[in-house]
Amino acid sequence: MKRYCLALDLKDDPQLIAEYDYWHKTENGWPEIRKSILDAEIRDMQIYRTGNRLFMIMETNDQYVAEKKTVMDAANLKVQEWEQLMWKFQQPLPWAKAGEKWVMMEQIFQL
């Protein structure tokens, strides 16, 4: 099992943030998106928010390969539709590379 932590910002607009939260409630999520996450060997995913900053924790099994997920997502029309919808709410971190949404965080402490 491996853990990945990533960050992303939402647009600083209370209405957009509320709508983003709405789409991430279990009852409003798209089953195709959940399936695509599980198909990529991600075993658990949690997203936390403070203000407009998002923090994602992903737990994967040893078969998870980020590049493979990128290829799978590009070929999945429903994932592309979801990503298009989510981009309405999201904005890249100032230090993100061109085209990068979620930015991998560096672990700097462990107890």
Protein backbone atom coordinates (compact mmCIF):
# COMPACT_ATOMS: atom_id res chain seq x y z
CA MET A 1 0.00 0.00 0.00
CA LYS A 2 1.26 3.45 -0.89
CA ARG A 3 -0.08 6.88 0.12
CA TYR A 4 -0.12 9.95 -2.10
CA CYS A 5 -1.06 13.43 -0.92
CA LEU A 6 -2.02 16.12 -3.42
CA ALA A 7 -3.27 19.71 -3.30
CA LEU A 8 -5.38 21.94 -5.53
CA ASP A 9 -7.23 25.22 -5.12
CA LEU A 10 -10.83 26.03 -5.89
CA LYS A 11 -11.85 29.40 -7.25
CA ASP A 12 -12.44 31.63 -4.24
CA ASP A 13 -16.19 31.95 -4.75
CA PRO A 14 -18.53 30.67 -2.00
CA GLN A 15 -21.22 29.62 -4.50
CA LEU A 16 -18.75 27.64 -6.63
CA ILE A 17 -17.22 26.05 -3.52
CA ALA A 18 -20.68 24.99 -2.30
CA GLU A 19 -21.43 23.45 -5.71
CA TYR A 20 -18.08 21.63 -5.72
CA ASP A 21 -18.90 20.21 -2.27
CA TYR A 22 -22.31 19.14 -3.60
CA TRP A 23 -20.75 17.11 -6.42
CA HIS A 24 -18.45 15.34 -3.98
CA LYS A 25 -21.17 14.06 -1.64
CA THR A 26 -21.53 10.31 -1.99
CA GLU A 27 -25.11 10.52 -3.27
CA ASN A 28 -24.18 13.05 -6.00
CA GLY A 29 -20.97 11.48 -7.30
CA TRP A 30 -20.97 9.75 -10.65
CA PRO A 31 -20.64 5.94 -10.40
CA GLU A 32 -18.44 5.92 -13.53
CA ILE A 33 -15.92 8.14 -11.75
CA ARG A 34 -15.83 5.90 -8.70
CA LYS A 35 -15.31 2.90 -10.99
CA SER A 36 -12.47 4.63 -12.86
CA ILE A 37 -10.72 5.35 -9.54
CA LEU A 38 -11.03 1.74 -8.38
CA ASP A 39 -10.02 0.40 -11.82
CA ALA A 40 -6.77 2.38 -11.50
CA GLU A 41 -5.83 0.41 -8.34
CA ILE A 42 -6.68 3.28 -5.98
CA ARG A 43 -8.12 1.63 -2.88
CA ASP A 44 -9.09 4.73 -0.89
CA MET A 45 -9.40 8.39 -1.73
CA GLN A 46 -10.32 11.23 0.58
CA ILE A 47 -10.57 14.95 -0.19
CA TYR A 48 -10.47 17.59 2.55
CA ARG A 49 -11.13 21.31 2.15
CA THR A 50 -10.22 24.41 4.12
CA GLY A 51 -11.41 27.63 2.55
CA ASN A 52 -10.67 27.14 -1.14
CA ARG A 53 -7.67 24.78 -0.64
CA LEU A 54 -8.19 21.07 -1.30
CA PHE A 55 -6.08 18.22 0.07
CA MET A 56 -6.41 14.70 -1.37
CA ILE A 57 -5.13 11.49 0.21
CA MET A 58 -4.94 8.44 -2.06
CA GLU A 59 -4.13 4.95 -0.84
CA THR A 60 -3.12 2.63 -3.67
CA ASN A 61 -2.04 -0.96 -4.04
CA ASP A 62 1.32 -1.87 -5.58
CA GLN A 63 -0.17 -2.09 -9.10
CA TYR A 64 -1.03 1.63 -9.22
CA VAL A 65 0.87 3.59 -11.88
CA ALA A 66 0.00 7.29 -12.24
CA GLU A 67 0.87 7.36 -15.94
CA LYS A 68 -1.45 4.39 -16.58
CA LYS A 69 -4.31 6.22 -14.84
CA THR A 70 -3.65 9.28 -17.01
CA VAL A 71 -3.96 7.14 -20.17
CA MET A 72 -7.10 5.41 -18.85
CA ASP A 73 -8.70 8.76 -17.97
CA ALA A 74 -7.91 10.25 -21.38
CA ALA A 75 -9.72 7.32 -23.05
CA ASN A 76 -12.77 7.51 -20.74
CA LEU A 77 -15.37 9.98 -22.05
CA LYS A 78 -17.23 10.09 -18.73
CA VAL A 79 -14.01 10.94 -16.85
CA GLN A 80 -13.32 13.68 -19.41
CA GLU A 81 -16.85 15.04 -18.92
CA TRP A 82 -16.33 15.01 -15.10
CA GLU A 83 -12.96 16.76 -15.42
CA GLN A 84 -14.51 19.43 -17.63
CA LEU A 85 -17.24 20.01 -15.02
CA MET A 86 -14.71 20.12 -12.16
CA TRP A 87 -12.50 22.64 -13.97
CA LYS A 88 -15.40 25.12 -13.59
CA PHE A 89 -14.58 25.16 -9.86
CA GLN A 90 -10.83 24.53 -9.80
CA GLN A 91 -7.78 26.68 -10.39
CA PRO A 92 -4.15 25.57 -10.49
CA LEU A 93 -1.81 26.27 -7.63
CA PRO A 94 0.57 29.14 -8.49
CA TRP A 95 3.51 26.70 -8.71
CA ALA A 96 1.70 24.03 -10.76
CA LYS A 97 3.19 23.06 -14.11
CA ALA A 98 1.28 23.95 -17.27
CA GLY A 99 -1.81 21.72 -17.51
CA GLU A 100 -1.32 20.30 -13.99
CA LYS A 101 -4.30 20.26 -11.67
CA TRP A 102 -3.57 18.25 -8.54
CA VAL A 103 0.00 18.84 -7.32
CA MET A 104 1.86 16.11 -5.44
CA MET A 105 2.77 17.18 -1.93
CA GLU A 106 6.11 16.42 -0.31
CA GLN A 107 6.05 14.74 3.09
CA ILE A 108 8.19 16.82 5.45
CA PHE A 109 7.33 15.21 8.81
CA GLN A 110 6.26 11.87 10.23
CA LEU A 111 5.84 10.94 13.89
